[in-house]
Amino acid sequence: PGEDDKNKLSALLLANSKFKRTADSEAIRDMLISKVRDDFKNGNMAVILGWVLSVTEARQCALFSITQSQ
């Protein structure tokens, strides 16, 4: 519930990176792929309806859902 805002999710997804929202989309994609791999390595996962997702993946899905519903 604390992450049900597009600005909060964007900030969390870009946390600890040098990117801003206007950065090159390919560079951001590569950074997010790296964060997903790190999540799995570090056990930073969520199980949602039987799906095992990295926290980064779950946040990406939530952000997409929020932006598409507005």
N, C-alpha and C. Protein backbone atom coordinates (compact mmCIF):
# COMPACT_ATOMS: atom_id res chain seq x y z
N PRO A 1 0.81 -1.22 0.00
CA PRO A 1 0.00 0.00 0.00
C PRO A 1 0.84 1.28 0.00
N GLY A 2 2.03 1.22 0.56
CA GLY A 2 2.89 2.39 0.60
C GLY A 2 3.54 2.71 -0.74
N GLU A 3 3.32 1.83 -1.71
CA GLU A 3 3.94 2.02 -3.03
C GLU A 3 2.87 2.13 -4.13
N ASP A 4 1.71 2.66 -3.78
CA ASP A 4 0.61 2.73 -4.76
C ASP A 4 0.53 4.10 -5.44
N ASP A 5 1.68 4.67 -5.70
CA ASP A 5 1.76 6.00 -6.32
C ASP A 5 2.84 5.96 -7.39
N LYS A 6 2.54 6.50 -8.58
CA LYS A 6 3.51 6.41 -9.68
C LYS A 6 4.81 7.14 -9.38
N ASN A 7 4.75 8.24 -8.66
CA ASN A 7 5.99 8.95 -8.31
C ASN A 7 6.84 8.15 -7.34
N LYS A 8 6.21 7.52 -6.36
CA LYS A 8 6.92 6.69 -5.39
C LYS A 8 7.56 5.49 -6.09
N LEU A 9 6.78 4.83 -6.96
CA LEU A 9 7.32 3.68 -7.67
C LEU A 9 8.48 4.07 -8.59
N SER A 10 8.34 5.17 -9.29
CA SER A 10 9.42 5.64 -10.15
C SER A 10 10.68 5.90 -9.35
N ALA A 11 10.52 6.54 -8.21
CA ALA A 11 11.67 6.83 -7.35
C ALA A 11 12.32 5.55 -6.85
N LEU A 12 11.51 4.56 -6.46
CA LEU A 12 12.06 3.29 -5.98
C LEU A 12 12.78 2.53 -7.09
N LEU A 13 12.22 2.55 -8.28
CA LEU A 13 12.85 1.85 -9.40
C LEU A 13 14.17 2.51 -9.80
N LEU A 14 14.25 3.81 -9.67
CA LEU A 14 15.47 4.52 -10.05
C LEU A 14 16.43 4.74 -8.88
N ALA A 15 16.06 4.28 -7.70
CA ALA A 15 16.91 4.46 -6.51
C ALA A 15 18.29 3.85 -6.74
N ASN A 16 19.28 4.50 -6.21
CA ASN A 16 20.68 4.05 -6.30
C ASN A 16 21.18 3.99 -7.74
N SER A 17 20.60 4.78 -8.61
CA SER A 17 21.09 4.84 -9.98
C SER A 17 21.37 6.30 -10.34
N LYS A 18 22.06 6.47 -11.43
CA LYS A 18 22.40 7.82 -11.87
C LYS A 18 21.35 8.38 -12.83
N PHE A 19 20.32 7.60 -13.12
CA PHE A 19 19.34 7.98 -14.13
C PHE A 19 18.22 8.84 -13.59
N LYS A 20 17.72 9.65 -14.47
CA LYS A 20 16.51 10.42 -14.24
C LYS A 20 15.44 9.84 -15.15
N ARG A 21 14.21 10.25 -14.97
CA ARG A 21 13.12 9.74 -15.80
C ARG A 21 13.32 10.03 -17.28
N THR A 22 14.10 11.03 -17.62
CA THR A 22 14.29 11.41 -19.02
C THR A 22 15.50 10.73 -19.65
N ALA A 23 16.14 9.82 -18.95
CA ALA A 23 17.34 9.16 -19.46
C ALA A 23 16.98 8.25 -20.64
N ASP A 24 18.00 7.83 -21.36
CA ASP A 24 17.87 6.93 -22.49
C ASP A 24 17.15 5.65 -22.06
N SER A 25 16.11 5.27 -22.79
CA SER A 25 15.30 4.13 -22.39
C SER A 25 16.08 2.82 -22.40
N GLU A 26 17.02 2.66 -23.32
CA GLU A 26 17.82 1.44 -23.35
C GLU A 26 18.72 1.35 -22.12
N ALA A 27 19.30 2.46 -21.71
CA ALA A 27 20.15 2.46 -20.52
C ALA A 27 19.33 2.15 -19.27
N ILE A 28 18.13 2.70 -19.19
CA ILE A 28 17.26 2.40 -18.04
C ILE A 28 16.87 0.94 -18.05
N ARG A 29 16.54 0.40 -19.23
CA ARG A 29 16.18 -1.02 -19.34
C ARG A 29 17.32 -1.90 -18.83
N ASP A 30 18.54 -1.60 -19.27
CA ASP A 30 19.70 -2.39 -18.83
C ASP A 30 19.89 -2.30 -17.32
N MET A 31 19.69 -1.12 -16.76
CA MET A 31 19.82 -0.93 -15.31
C MET A 31 18.77 -1.75 -14.57
N LEU A 32 17.52 -1.75 -15.09
CA LEU A 32 16.45 -2.51 -14.44
C LEU A 32 16.70 -4.01 -14.53
N ILE A 33 17.21 -4.48 -15.65
CA ILE A 33 17.56 -5.90 -15.78
C ILE A 33 18.60 -6.27 -14.73
N SER A 34 19.58 -5.41 -14.54
CA SER A 34 20.60 -5.66 -13.52
C SER A 34 19.99 -5.70 -12.12
N LYS A 35 19.04 -4.78 -11.85
CA LYS A 35 18.39 -4.77 -10.54
C LYS A 35 17.57 -6.04 -10.31
N VAL A 36 16.92 -6.53 -11.37
CA VAL A 36 16.15 -7.78 -11.25
C VAL A 36 17.09 -8.93 -10.90
N ARG A 37 18.20 -9.03 -11.60
CA ARG A 37 19.18 -10.09 -11.31
C ARG A 37 19.68 -9.99 -9.86
N ASP A 38 19.98 -8.76 -9.43
CA ASP A 38 20.43 -8.57 -8.06
C ASP A 38 19.35 -8.96 -7.05
N ASP A 39 18.10 -8.64 -7.35
CA ASP A 39 17.00 -9.03 -6.46
C ASP A 39 16.98 -10.54 -6.27
N PHE A 40 17.07 -11.30 -7.37
CA PHE A 40 17.04 -12.75 -7.25
C PHE A 40 18.26 -13.28 -6.52
N LYS A 41 19.43 -12.72 -6.80
CA LYS A 41 20.64 -13.14 -6.09
C LYS A 41 20.53 -12.92 -4.59
N ASN A 42 19.89 -11.82 -4.20
CA ASN A 42 19.80 -11.44 -2.79
C ASN A 42 18.51 -11.90 -2.11
N GLY A 43 17.68 -12.66 -2.83
CA GLY A 43 16.44 -13.16 -2.24
C GLY A 43 15.38 -12.07 -2.04
N ASN A 44 15.49 -11.00 -2.78
CA ASN A 44 14.55 -9.89 -2.66
C ASN A 44 13.39 -10.13 -3.64
N MET A 45 12.49 -11.04 -3.22
CA MET A 45 11.42 -11.50 -4.10
C MET A 45 10.06 -11.39 -3.42
N ALA A 46 9.04 -11.45 -4.27
CA ALA A 46 7.66 -11.45 -3.79
C ALA A 46 6.94 -12.58 -4.52
N VAL A 47 6.06 -13.28 -3.81
CA VAL A 47 5.23 -14.30 -4.44
C VAL A 47 3.83 -13.73 -4.53
N ILE A 48 3.35 -13.59 -5.76
CA ILE A 48 2.05 -12.99 -6.00
C ILE A 48 1.23 -13.97 -6.83
N LEU A 49 0.19 -14.51 -6.21
CA LEU A 49 -0.68 -15.48 -6.88
C LEU A 49 0.12 -16.63 -7.50
N GLY A 50 1.13 -17.09 -6.77
CA GLY A 50 1.96 -18.19 -7.23
C GLY A 50 3.12 -17.80 -8.12
N TRP A 51 3.16 -16.56 -8.56
CA TRP A 51 4.26 -16.08 -9.40
C TRP A 51 5.39 -15.57 -8.49
N VAL A 52 6.61 -15.98 -8.80
CA VAL A 52 7.77 -15.49 -8.06
C VAL A 52 8.39 -14.36 -8.88
N LEU A 53 8.33 -13.16 -8.32
CA LEU A 53 8.85 -11.98 -9.00
C LEU A 53 9.91 -11.32 -8.14
N SER A 54 10.86 -10.70 -8.80
CA SER A 54 11.77 -9.85 -8.03
C SER A 54 10.96 -8.62 -7.61
N VAL A 55 11.38 -7.97 -6.57
CA VAL A 55 10.68 -6.76 -6.12
C VAL A 55 10.70 -5.71 -7.23
N THR A 56 11.79 -5.65 -7.98
CA THR A 56 11.88 -4.70 -9.09
C THR A 56 10.82 -5.01 -10.14
N GLU A 57 10.65 -6.29 -10.48
CA GLU A 57 9.62 -6.66 -11.45
C GLU A 57 8.23 -6.31 -10.95
N ALA A 58 7.97 -6.59 -9.68
CA ALA A 58 6.65 -6.28 -9.11
C ALA A 58 6.38 -4.77 -9.16
N ARG A 59 7.40 -3.99 -8.88
CA ARG A 59 7.24 -2.53 -8.94
C ARG A 59 7.01 -2.06 -10.37
N GLN A 60 7.71 -2.65 -11.33
CA GLN A 60 7.49 -2.29 -12.73
C GLN A 60 6.05 -2.59 -13.15
N CYS A 61 5.56 -3.76 -12.77
CA CYS A 61 4.18 -4.14 -13.10
C CYS A 61 3.19 -3.18 -12.45
N ALA A 62 3.43 -2.84 -11.21
CA ALA A 62 2.54 -1.91 -10.51
C ALA A 62 2.54 -0.54 -11.18
N LEU A 63 3.72 -0.06 -11.55
CA LEU A 63 3.82 1.24 -12.21
C LEU A 63 3.09 1.22 -13.55
N PHE A 64 3.27 0.16 -14.31
CA PHE A 64 2.58 0.04 -15.59
C PHE A 64 1.06 0.04 -15.38
N SER A 65 0.61 -0.72 -14.41
CA SER A 65 -0.83 -0.80 -14.13
C SER A 65 -1.40 0.55 -13.74
N ILE A 66 -0.69 1.28 -12.88
CA ILE A 66 -1.17 2.59 -12.43
C ILE A 66 -1.22 3.56 -13.60
N THR A 67 -0.18 3.58 -14.43
CA THR A 67 -0.16 4.55 -15.53
C THR A 67 -1.18 4.22 -16.61
N GLN A 68 -1.52 2.95 -16.78
CA GLN A 68 -2.50 2.58 -17.79
C GLN A 68 -3.94 2.79 -17.33
N SER A 69 -4.14 2.88 -16.03
CA SER A 69 -5.50 3.04 -15.51
C SER A 69 -5.92 4.49 -15.37
N GLN A 70 -5.01 5.41 -15.62
CA GLN A 70 -5.32 6.84 -15.45
C GLN A 70 -5.74 7.48 -16.74
